[in-house]
Full PDB file with SEQRES, HELIX, SHEET, SSBOND, CRYST1, ORIGX, SCALE, CONECT and MASTER records, all heavy atoms in Angstrom:
SEQRES   1 A   32  LEU PRO ASP ASP VAL ARG ALA ASP ASP PHE VAL LEU VAL          
SEQRES   2 A   32  HIS ASP ALA ALA ARG PRO ASN LEU ALA ALA ALA ASP LEU          
SEQRES   3 A   32  GLY ARG LEU LEU GLU VAL                                      
HELIX    1 AA1 ALA A   23  GLU A   31  1                                   9    
CRYST1    1.000    1.000    1.000  90.00  90.00  90.00 P 1           1          
ORIGX1      1.000000  0.000000  0.000000        0.00000                         
ORIGX2      0.000000  1.000000  0.000000        0.00000                         
ORIGX3      0.000000  0.000000  1.000000        0.00000                         
SCALE1      1.000000  0.000000  0.000000        0.00000                         
SCALE2      0.000000  1.000000  0.000000        0.00000                         
SCALE3      0.000000  0.000000  1.000000        0.00000                         
ATOM      1  N   LEU A   1       0.832  -1.219   0.033  1.00  0.00           N  
ATOM      2  CA  LEU A   1      -0.030  -0.019  -0.011  1.00  0.00           C  
ATOM      3  C   LEU A   1       0.865   1.252   0.039  1.00  0.00           C  
ATOM      4  O   LEU A   1       2.010   1.251   0.476  1.00  0.00           O  
ATOM      5  CB  LEU A   1      -0.962  -0.024   1.242  1.00  0.00           C  
ATOM      6  CG  LEU A   1      -2.076  -1.013   1.168  1.00  0.00           C  
ATOM      7  CD1 LEU A   1      -2.782  -1.045   2.539  1.00  0.00           C  
ATOM      8  CD2 LEU A   1      -3.121  -0.606   0.095  1.00  0.00           C  
ATOM      9  N   PRO A   2       0.327   2.321  -0.543  1.00  0.00           N  
ATOM     10  CA  PRO A   2       1.116   3.596  -0.474  1.00  0.00           C  
ATOM     11  C   PRO A   2       1.612   4.029   0.904  1.00  0.00           C  
ATOM     12  O   PRO A   2       0.994   3.693   1.858  1.00  0.00           O  
ATOM     13  CB  PRO A   2       0.134   4.642  -1.093  1.00  0.00           C  
ATOM     14  CG  PRO A   2      -0.837   3.835  -1.892  1.00  0.00           C  
ATOM     15  CD  PRO A   2      -0.992   2.511  -1.149  1.00  0.00           C  
ATOM     16  N   ASP A   3       2.653   4.772   0.888  1.00  0.00           N  
ATOM     17  CA  ASP A   3       3.326   5.100   2.133  1.00  0.00           C  
ATOM     18  C   ASP A   3       2.438   6.011   2.946  1.00  0.00           C  
ATOM     19  O   ASP A   3       2.579   6.051   4.257  1.00  0.00           O  
ATOM     20  CB  ASP A   3       4.611   5.875   1.869  1.00  0.00           C  
ATOM     21  CG  ASP A   3       5.714   4.980   1.349  1.00  0.00           C  
ATOM     22  OD1 ASP A   3       5.584   3.799   1.484  1.00  0.00           O  
ATOM     23  OD2 ASP A   3       6.650   5.497   0.701  1.00  0.00           O  
ATOM     24  N   ASP A   4       1.478   6.730   2.369  1.00  0.00           N  
ATOM     25  CA  ASP A   4       0.558   7.594   3.152  1.00  0.00           C  
ATOM     26  C   ASP A   4      -0.584   6.862   3.861  1.00  0.00           C  
ATOM     27  O   ASP A   4      -1.363   7.447   4.521  1.00  0.00           O  
ATOM     28  CB  ASP A   4       0.059   8.760   2.335  1.00  0.00           C  
ATOM     29  CG  ASP A   4      -0.776   8.279   1.094  1.00  0.00           C  
ATOM     30  OD1 ASP A   4      -0.825   7.055   0.837  1.00  0.00           O  
ATOM     31  OD2 ASP A   4      -1.294   9.153   0.450  1.00  0.00           O  
ATOM     32  N   VAL A   5      -0.626   5.554   3.632  1.00  0.00           N  
ATOM     33  CA  VAL A   5      -1.612   4.717   4.415  1.00  0.00           C  
ATOM     34  C   VAL A   5      -0.837   4.374   5.615  1.00  0.00           C  
ATOM     35  O   VAL A   5       0.071   3.472   5.664  1.00  0.00           O  
ATOM     36  CB  VAL A   5      -2.018   3.461   3.585  1.00  0.00           C  
ATOM     37  CG1 VAL A   5      -3.017   2.633   4.408  1.00  0.00           C  
ATOM     38  CG2 VAL A   5      -2.609   3.861   2.247  1.00  0.00           C  
ATOM     39  N   ARG A   6      -1.268   4.817   6.760  1.00  0.00           N  
ATOM     40  CA  ARG A   6      -0.518   4.749   8.016  1.00  0.00           C  
ATOM     41  C   ARG A   6      -0.813   3.331   8.658  1.00  0.00           C  
ATOM     42  O   ARG A   6      -1.812   2.690   8.275  1.00  0.00           O  
ATOM     43  CB  ARG A   6      -0.910   5.840   9.002  1.00  0.00           C  
ATOM     44  CG  ARG A   6      -0.527   7.246   8.509  1.00  0.00           C  
ATOM     45  CD  ARG A   6      -1.219   8.276   9.392  1.00  0.00           C  
ATOM     46  NE  ARG A   6      -2.665   8.176   9.404  1.00  0.00           N  
ATOM     47  CZ  ARG A   6      -3.467   8.995  10.081  1.00  0.00           C  
ATOM     48  NH1 ARG A   6      -2.938   9.996  10.790  1.00  0.00           N  
ATOM     49  NH2 ARG A   6      -4.748   8.817  10.048  1.00  0.00           N  
ATOM     50  N   ALA A   7       0.068   3.013   9.634  1.00  0.00           N  
ATOM     51  CA  ALA A   7      -0.028   1.628  10.276  1.00  0.00           C  
ATOM     52  C   ALA A   7      -1.374   1.534  10.947  1.00  0.00           C  
ATOM     53  O   ALA A   7      -1.902   0.373  10.986  1.00  0.00           O  
ATOM     54  CB  ALA A   7       1.110   1.527  11.265  1.00  0.00           C  
ATOM     55  N   ASP A   8      -1.973   2.549  11.532  1.00  0.00           N  
ATOM     56  CA  ASP A   8      -3.216   2.408  12.292  1.00  0.00           C  
ATOM     57  C   ASP A   8      -4.402   2.808  11.428  1.00  0.00           C  
ATOM     58  O   ASP A   8      -5.546   2.833  11.982  1.00  0.00           O  
ATOM     59  CB  ASP A   8      -3.189   3.254  13.581  1.00  0.00           C  
ATOM     60  CG  ASP A   8      -3.000   4.737  13.323  1.00  0.00           C  
ATOM     61  OD1 ASP A   8      -2.655   5.185  12.164  1.00  0.00           O  
ATOM     62  OD2 ASP A   8      -3.290   5.515  14.240  1.00  0.00           O  
ATOM     63  N   ASP A   9      -4.233   3.086  10.183  1.00  0.00           N  
ATOM     64  CA  ASP A   9      -5.358   3.322   9.265  1.00  0.00           C  
ATOM     65  C   ASP A   9      -6.134   2.066   9.011  1.00  0.00           C  
ATOM     66  O   ASP A   9      -5.542   0.944   8.898  1.00  0.00           O  
ATOM     67  CB  ASP A   9      -4.923   3.893   7.946  1.00  0.00           C  
ATOM     68  CG  ASP A   9      -4.558   5.332   7.975  1.00  0.00           C  
ATOM     69  OD1 ASP A   9      -4.828   5.990   9.027  1.00  0.00           O  
ATOM     70  OD2 ASP A   9      -3.955   5.835   7.059  1.00  0.00           O  
ATOM     71  N   PHE A  10      -7.432   2.137   8.904  1.00  0.00           N  
ATOM     72  CA  PHE A  10      -8.267   1.024   8.481  1.00  0.00           C  
ATOM     73  C   PHE A  10      -8.105   0.727   6.982  1.00  0.00           C  
ATOM     74  O   PHE A  10      -7.971   1.638   6.204  1.00  0.00           O  
ATOM     75  CB  PHE A  10      -9.764   1.213   8.837  1.00  0.00           C  
ATOM     76  CG  PHE A  10     -10.078   0.971  10.221  1.00  0.00           C  
ATOM     77  CD1 PHE A  10     -10.268   2.013  11.160  1.00  0.00           C  
ATOM     78  CD2 PHE A  10     -10.226  -0.341  10.662  1.00  0.00           C  
ATOM     79  CE1 PHE A  10     -10.616   1.786  12.469  1.00  0.00           C  
ATOM     80  CE2 PHE A  10     -10.539  -0.593  12.071  1.00  0.00           C  
ATOM     81  CZ  PHE A  10     -10.768   0.497  12.942  1.00  0.00           C  
ATOM     82  N   VAL A  11      -8.163  -0.546   6.701  1.00  0.00           N  
ATOM     83  CA  VAL A  11      -8.001  -1.024   5.235  1.00  0.00           C  
ATOM     84  C   VAL A  11      -9.075  -2.078   5.093  1.00  0.00           C  
ATOM     85  O   VAL A  11      -9.390  -2.962   5.876  1.00  0.00           O  
ATOM     86  CB  VAL A  11      -6.663  -1.635   4.973  1.00  0.00           C  
ATOM     87  CG1 VAL A  11      -6.599  -2.263   3.645  1.00  0.00           C  
ATOM     88  CG2 VAL A  11      -5.540  -0.570   5.168  1.00  0.00           C  
ATOM     89  N   LEU A  12      -9.753  -1.988   3.896  1.00  0.00           N  
ATOM     90  CA  LEU A  12     -10.720  -3.024   3.523  1.00  0.00           C  
ATOM     91  C   LEU A  12      -9.994  -4.182   2.816  1.00  0.00           C  
ATOM     92  O   LEU A  12      -9.052  -3.949   2.038  1.00  0.00           O  
ATOM     93  CB  LEU A  12     -11.752  -2.398   2.559  1.00  0.00           C  
ATOM     94  CG  LEU A  12     -12.753  -1.378   3.120  1.00  0.00           C  
ATOM     95  CD1 LEU A  12     -13.367  -0.620   1.998  1.00  0.00           C  
ATOM     96  CD2 LEU A  12     -13.826  -2.067   3.946  1.00  0.00           C  
ATOM     97  N   VAL A  13     -10.504  -5.347   2.964  1.00  0.00           N  
ATOM     98  CA  VAL A  13     -10.098  -6.490   2.197  1.00  0.00           C  
ATOM     99  C   VAL A  13     -11.329  -7.139   1.566  1.00  0.00           C  
ATOM    100  O   VAL A  13     -12.299  -7.465   2.317  1.00  0.00           O  
ATOM    101  CB  VAL A  13      -9.315  -7.563   2.991  1.00  0.00           C  
ATOM    102  CG1 VAL A  13      -8.905  -8.745   2.101  1.00  0.00           C  
ATOM    103  CG2 VAL A  13      -8.049  -6.979   3.673  1.00  0.00           C  
ATOM    104  N   HIS A  14     -11.348  -7.222   0.253  1.00  0.00           N  
ATOM    105  CA  HIS A  14     -12.506  -7.721  -0.440  1.00  0.00           C  
ATOM    106  C   HIS A  14     -12.209  -8.765  -1.474  1.00  0.00           C  
ATOM    107  O   HIS A  14     -11.193  -8.593  -2.251  1.00  0.00           O  
ATOM    108  CB  HIS A  14     -13.215  -6.582  -1.108  1.00  0.00           C  
ATOM    109  CG  HIS A  14     -14.626  -6.898  -1.648  1.00  0.00           C  
ATOM    110  ND1 HIS A  14     -15.560  -7.582  -1.002  1.00  0.00           N  
ATOM    111  CD2 HIS A  14     -15.103  -6.699  -2.940  1.00  0.00           C  
ATOM    112  CE1 HIS A  14     -16.685  -7.709  -1.750  1.00  0.00           C  
ATOM    113  NE2 HIS A  14     -16.401  -7.201  -2.905  1.00  0.00           N  
ATOM    114  N   ASP A  15     -12.977  -9.810  -1.574  1.00  0.00           N  
ATOM    115  CA  ASP A  15     -12.752 -10.909  -2.575  1.00  0.00           C  
ATOM    116  C   ASP A  15     -12.908 -10.317  -3.982  1.00  0.00           C  
ATOM    117  O   ASP A  15     -13.914  -9.671  -4.243  1.00  0.00           O  
ATOM    118  CB  ASP A  15     -13.797 -12.020  -2.319  1.00  0.00           C  
ATOM    119  CG  ASP A  15     -13.554 -12.796  -1.063  1.00  0.00           C  
ATOM    120  OD1 ASP A  15     -12.430 -12.855  -0.560  1.00  0.00           O  
ATOM    121  OD2 ASP A  15     -14.570 -13.307  -0.534  1.00  0.00           O  
ATOM    122  N   ALA A  16     -12.036 -10.765  -4.798  1.00  0.00           N  
ATOM    123  CA  ALA A  16     -12.119 -10.380  -6.241  1.00  0.00           C  
ATOM    124  C   ALA A  16     -13.387 -10.883  -6.863  1.00  0.00           C  
ATOM    125  O   ALA A  16     -13.894 -10.283  -7.843  1.00  0.00           O  
ATOM    126  CB  ALA A  16     -10.886 -10.835  -7.030  1.00  0.00           C  
ATOM    127  N   ALA A  17     -13.864 -12.049  -6.365  1.00  0.00           N  
ATOM    128  CA  ALA A  17     -15.005 -12.691  -7.054  1.00  0.00           C  
ATOM    129  C   ALA A  17     -16.319 -12.461  -6.246  1.00  0.00           C  
ATOM    130  O   ALA A  17     -17.271 -13.266  -6.250  1.00  0.00           O  
ATOM    131  CB  ALA A  17     -14.796 -14.170  -7.131  1.00  0.00           C  
ATOM    132  N   ARG A  18     -16.407 -11.321  -5.587  1.00  0.00           N  
ATOM    133  CA  ARG A  18     -17.643 -10.795  -4.953  1.00  0.00           C  
ATOM    134  C   ARG A  18     -18.075  -9.541  -5.659  1.00  0.00           C  
ATOM    135  O   ARG A  18     -17.827  -8.422  -5.124  1.00  0.00           O  
ATOM    136  CB  ARG A  18     -17.536 -10.646  -3.447  1.00  0.00           C  
ATOM    137  CG  ARG A  18     -17.489 -11.930  -2.664  1.00  0.00           C  
ATOM    138  CD  ARG A  18     -17.602 -11.644  -1.181  1.00  0.00           C  
ATOM    139  NE  ARG A  18     -17.325 -12.829  -0.397  1.00  0.00           N  
ATOM    140  CZ  ARG A  18     -18.183 -13.758  -0.021  1.00  0.00           C  
ATOM    141  NH1 ARG A  18     -19.442 -13.636  -0.367  1.00  0.00           N  
ATOM    142  NH2 ARG A  18     -17.814 -14.777   0.673  1.00  0.00           N  
ATOM    143  N   PRO A  19     -18.654  -9.620  -6.813  1.00  0.00           N  
ATOM    144  CA  PRO A  19     -18.916  -8.416  -7.628  1.00  0.00           C  
ATOM    145  C   PRO A  19     -20.233  -7.685  -7.259  1.00  0.00           C  
ATOM    146  O   PRO A  19     -20.491  -6.624  -7.801  1.00  0.00           O  
ATOM    147  CB  PRO A  19     -19.022  -8.981  -9.063  1.00  0.00           C  
ATOM    148  CG  PRO A  19     -19.610 -10.318  -8.863  1.00  0.00           C  
ATOM    149  CD  PRO A  19     -19.038 -10.809  -7.531  1.00  0.00           C  
ATOM    150  N   ASN A  20     -21.028  -8.271  -6.377  1.00  0.00           N  
ATOM    151  CA  ASN A  20     -22.369  -7.693  -6.131  1.00  0.00           C  
ATOM    152  C   ASN A  20     -22.457  -7.051  -4.795  1.00  0.00           C  
ATOM    153  O   ASN A  20     -23.517  -7.126  -4.148  1.00  0.00           O  
ATOM    154  CB  ASN A  20     -23.374  -8.844  -6.318  1.00  0.00           C  
ATOM    155  CG  ASN A  20     -24.790  -8.263  -6.646  1.00  0.00           C  
ATOM    156  OD1 ASN A  20     -24.942  -7.272  -7.375  1.00  0.00           O  
ATOM    157  ND2 ASN A  20     -25.838  -8.860  -6.080  1.00  0.00           N  
ATOM    158  N   LEU A  21     -21.441  -6.349  -4.358  1.00  0.00           N  
ATOM    159  CA  LEU A  21     -21.460  -5.643  -3.087  1.00  0.00           C  
ATOM    160  C   LEU A  21     -22.330  -4.412  -3.147  1.00  0.00           C  
ATOM    161  O   LEU A  21     -22.132  -3.652  -4.076  1.00  0.00           O  
ATOM    162  CB  LEU A  21     -19.961  -5.250  -2.755  1.00  0.00           C  
ATOM    163  CG  LEU A  21     -19.815  -4.308  -1.525  1.00  0.00           C  
ATOM    164  CD1 LEU A  21     -20.236  -4.984  -0.238  1.00  0.00           C  
ATOM    165  CD2 LEU A  21     -18.329  -3.894  -1.460  1.00  0.00           C  
ATOM    166  N   ALA A  22     -23.238  -4.276  -2.209  1.00  0.00           N  
ATOM    167  CA  ALA A  22     -24.163  -3.156  -2.169  1.00  0.00           C  
ATOM    168  C   ALA A  22     -23.481  -2.019  -1.539  1.00  0.00           C  
ATOM    169  O   ALA A  22     -22.837  -2.091  -0.537  1.00  0.00           O  
ATOM    170  CB  ALA A  22     -25.397  -3.542  -1.463  1.00  0.00           C  
ATOM    171  N   ALA A  23     -23.633  -0.810  -2.063  1.00  0.00           N  
ATOM    172  CA  ALA A  23     -23.128   0.400  -1.439  1.00  0.00           C  
ATOM    173  C   ALA A  23     -23.591   0.616  -0.053  1.00  0.00           C  
ATOM    174  O   ALA A  23     -22.805   1.050   0.840  1.00  0.00           O  
ATOM    175  CB  ALA A  23     -23.430   1.648  -2.338  1.00  0.00           C  
ATOM    176  N   ALA A  24     -24.820   0.324   0.246  1.00  0.00           N  
ATOM    177  CA  ALA A  24     -25.372   0.501   1.583  1.00  0.00           C  
ATOM    178  C   ALA A  24     -24.668  -0.417   2.537  1.00  0.00           C  
ATOM    179  O   ALA A  24     -24.372   0.013   3.729  1.00  0.00           O  
ATOM    180  CB  ALA A  24     -26.872   0.255   1.611  1.00  0.00           C  
ATOM    181  N   ASP A  25     -24.389  -1.594   2.161  1.00  0.00           N  
ATOM    182  CA  ASP A  25     -23.675  -2.584   3.052  1.00  0.00           C  
ATOM    183  C   ASP A  25     -22.266  -2.072   3.301  1.00  0.00           C  
ATOM    184  O   ASP A  25     -21.775  -2.088   4.444  1.00  0.00           O  
ATOM    185  CB  ASP A  25     -23.607  -3.977   2.415  1.00  0.00           C  
ATOM    186  CG  ASP A  25     -24.930  -4.695   2.523  1.00  0.00           C  
ATOM    187  OD1 ASP A  25     -25.881  -4.148   3.103  1.00  0.00           O  
ATOM    188  OD2 ASP A  25     -25.038  -5.839   1.988  1.00  0.00           O  
ATOM    189  N   LEU A  26     -21.574  -1.600   2.268  1.00  0.00           N  
ATOM    190  CA  LEU A  26     -20.231  -1.129   2.465  1.00  0.00           C  
ATOM    191  C   LEU A  26     -20.219   0.104   3.360  1.00  0.00           C  
ATOM    192  O   LEU A  26     -19.406   0.241   4.313  1.00  0.00           O  
ATOM    193  CB  LEU A  26     -19.627  -0.747   1.101  1.00  0.00           C  
ATOM    194  CG  LEU A  26     -18.259  -0.165   1.115  1.00  0.00           C  
ATOM    195  CD1 LEU A  26     -17.232  -0.981   1.884  1.00  0.00           C  
ATOM    196  CD2 LEU A  26     -17.744   0.049  -0.342  1.00  0.00           C  
ATOM    197  N   GLY A  27     -21.203   0.989   3.212  1.00  0.00           N  
ATOM    198  CA  GLY A  27     -21.257   2.169   4.039  1.00  0.00           C  
ATOM    199  C   GLY A  27     -21.503   1.815   5.507  1.00  0.00           C  
ATOM    200  O   GLY A  27     -20.923   2.404   6.394  1.00  0.00           O  
ATOM    201  N   ARG A  28     -22.357   0.830   5.755  1.00  0.00           N  
ATOM    202  CA  ARG A  28     -22.691   0.414   7.112  1.00  0.00           C  
ATOM    203  C   ARG A  28     -21.466  -0.208   7.764  1.00  0.00           C  
ATOM    204  O   ARG A  28     -21.159   0.010   8.964  1.00  0.00           O  
ATOM    205  CB  ARG A  28     -23.840  -0.592   7.102  1.00  0.00           C  
ATOM    206  CG  ARG A  28     -24.441  -0.872   8.476  1.00  0.00           C  
ATOM    207  CD  ARG A  28     -25.796  -1.463   8.389  1.00  0.00           C  
ATOM    208  NE  ARG A  28     -25.968  -2.568   7.432  1.00  0.00           N  
ATOM    209  CZ  ARG A  28     -26.528  -2.501   6.276  1.00  0.00           C  
ATOM    210  NH1 ARG A  28     -27.129  -1.350   5.852  1.00  0.00           N  
ATOM    211  NH2 ARG A  28     -26.593  -3.531   5.461  1.00  0.00           N  
ATOM    212  N   LEU A  29     -20.704  -1.045   6.969  1.00  0.00           N  
ATOM    213  CA  LEU A  29     -19.437  -1.659   7.474  1.00  0.00           C  
ATOM    214  C   LEU A  29     -18.461  -0.609   7.917  1.00  0.00           C  
ATOM    215  O   LEU A  29     -17.879  -0.665   8.965  1.00  0.00           O  
ATOM    216  CB  LEU A  29     -18.904  -2.587   6.443  1.00  0.00           C  
ATOM    217  CG  LEU A  29     -17.527  -3.205   6.794  1.00  0.00           C  
ATOM    218  CD1 LEU A  29     -17.619  -4.231   7.921  1.00  0.00           C  
ATOM    219  CD2 LEU A  29     -16.845  -3.863   5.519  1.00  0.00           C  
ATOM    220  N   LEU A  30     -18.318   0.349   7.088  1.00  0.00           N  
ATOM    221  CA  LEU A  30     -17.402   1.504   7.356  1.00  0.00           C  
ATOM    222  C   LEU A  30     -17.790   2.290   8.576  1.00  0.00           C  
ATOM    223  O   LEU A  30     -16.932   2.582   9.437  1.00  0.00           O  
ATOM    224  CB  LEU A  30     -17.255   2.436   6.135  1.00  0.00           C  
ATOM    225  CG  LEU A  30     -16.511   1.802   4.920  1.00  0.00           C  
ATOM    226  CD1 LEU A  30     -16.774   2.722   3.733  1.00  0.00           C  
ATOM    227  CD2 LEU A  30     -15.072   1.610   5.210  1.00  0.00           C  
ATOM    228  N   GLU A  31     -19.034   2.518   8.717  1.00  0.00           N  
ATOM    229  CA  GLU A  31     -19.531   3.322   9.808  1.00  0.00           C  
ATOM    230  C   GLU A  31     -19.383   2.551  11.142  1.00  0.00           C  
ATOM    231  O   GLU A  31     -18.863   3.103  12.169  1.00  0.00           O  
ATOM    232  CB  GLU A  31     -20.988   3.713   9.646  1.00  0.00           C  
ATOM    233  CG  GLU A  31     -21.588   4.520  10.757  1.00  0.00           C  
ATOM    234  CD  GLU A  31     -23.054   4.880  10.542  1.00  0.00           C  
ATOM    235  OE1 GLU A  31     -23.615   4.495   9.517  1.00  0.00           O  
ATOM    236  OE2 GLU A  31     -23.642   5.531  11.419  1.00  0.00           O  
ATOM    237  N   VAL A  32     -19.765   1.312  11.140  1.00  0.00           N  
ATOM    238  CA  VAL A  32     -19.621   0.492  12.343  1.00  0.00           C  
ATOM    239  C   VAL A  32     -18.184   0.091  12.675  1.00  0.00           C  
ATOM    240  O   VAL A  32     -17.772   0.211  13.797  1.00  0.00           O  
ATOM    241  CB  VAL A  32     -20.545  -0.733  12.287  1.00  0.00           C  
ATOM    242  CG1 VAL A  32     -20.386  -1.666  13.443  1.00  0.00           C  
ATOM    243  CG2 VAL A  32     -21.990  -0.410  12.153  1.00  0.00           C  
TER     244      VAL A  32                                                      
MASTER        0    0    0    1    0    0    0    6  243    1    0    3          
END                                                                             
């Protein structure tokens, strides 16, 4: 990852073969 992504920054990991991710689900995951 780029150097400006800090050690304590959150990072998402997502399967390449999950193409049907809903924006609302992603938003809820990020918020919680």
